[in-house]
Amino acid sequence: MNIKKIVEAVLFASDKPLSLKQLQAIFPELQQPDIKALEVAVAEVMQDYHDRPVELKAVASGYRFQVTQEMSPWVSRLFDEKPPRYSRALLETLAIIAYRQPVTRGEIEDIRGVVVSSNIIRTLLEREWIKVVAHKEVPGRPALYASTQQFLDYFNLTSLGQLPTLQEIQELNKPLKDNEQPTQADREQQEINTQPLQETASIETENDT
């Protein structure tokens, strides 16, 4: 039984990320490899796809095959439908939840300084990027929102620890010195560093503020 080939085939055929436990459950009970053996198999498959247009990527929910970021613009030409484009207000709301969770809608509004549209919260819930984790014990018991594994998966993150720090974001937003123009390398690095929460995907929700 070639564990590596089985793991590769199963992950290739799956339409969602699979964890090591889920991979283990694929095997008959008496032939199930231990988690360590599966980790080795996954690592070997990852190495096989190194520097290829398709990669095996670790995300919060497990492992999945996907087109590399470099090839994504070319593959997108296969599809007539354009990627959704999210409003700045929606991305700001999502960022606040990711960094300050758990957080109430009122607390988000205090940070942003404007009312948060119901459409924004509904869109984030429908995308399953956020969820209600509890209710704050104050008058009205407002919902407390937190990010989900689907949020991490979408932005190719394995944990919240991979988000850029607030200091890194501030550094990226510093104004250039007089007469200084960003180089191509600067622009590319900024795109890489800010990608997790500045995807150019989306839905322009009505009445976003």
Foldseek 3Di string as FASTA:
>chain_A
DDLLVLVVVVQAPDPDAAALVRSQVVDPPVPRDDSVVNVVSLVVQQVVCPPHQWGWAQWQRHIHIDGDPVCVVVVCVVDPDDFAFEDPLLLLLLVCQLVPFQDFQVRSCVVVVHHADPQSVVVCVVLQQKDFDAFDPDVVRTTTIHGDSSLRVVLRHNDSVPQDDPVVVVVLVDDDDPPDDDDPVNVVVSCVNHVSRNPRGHDYDPPGD
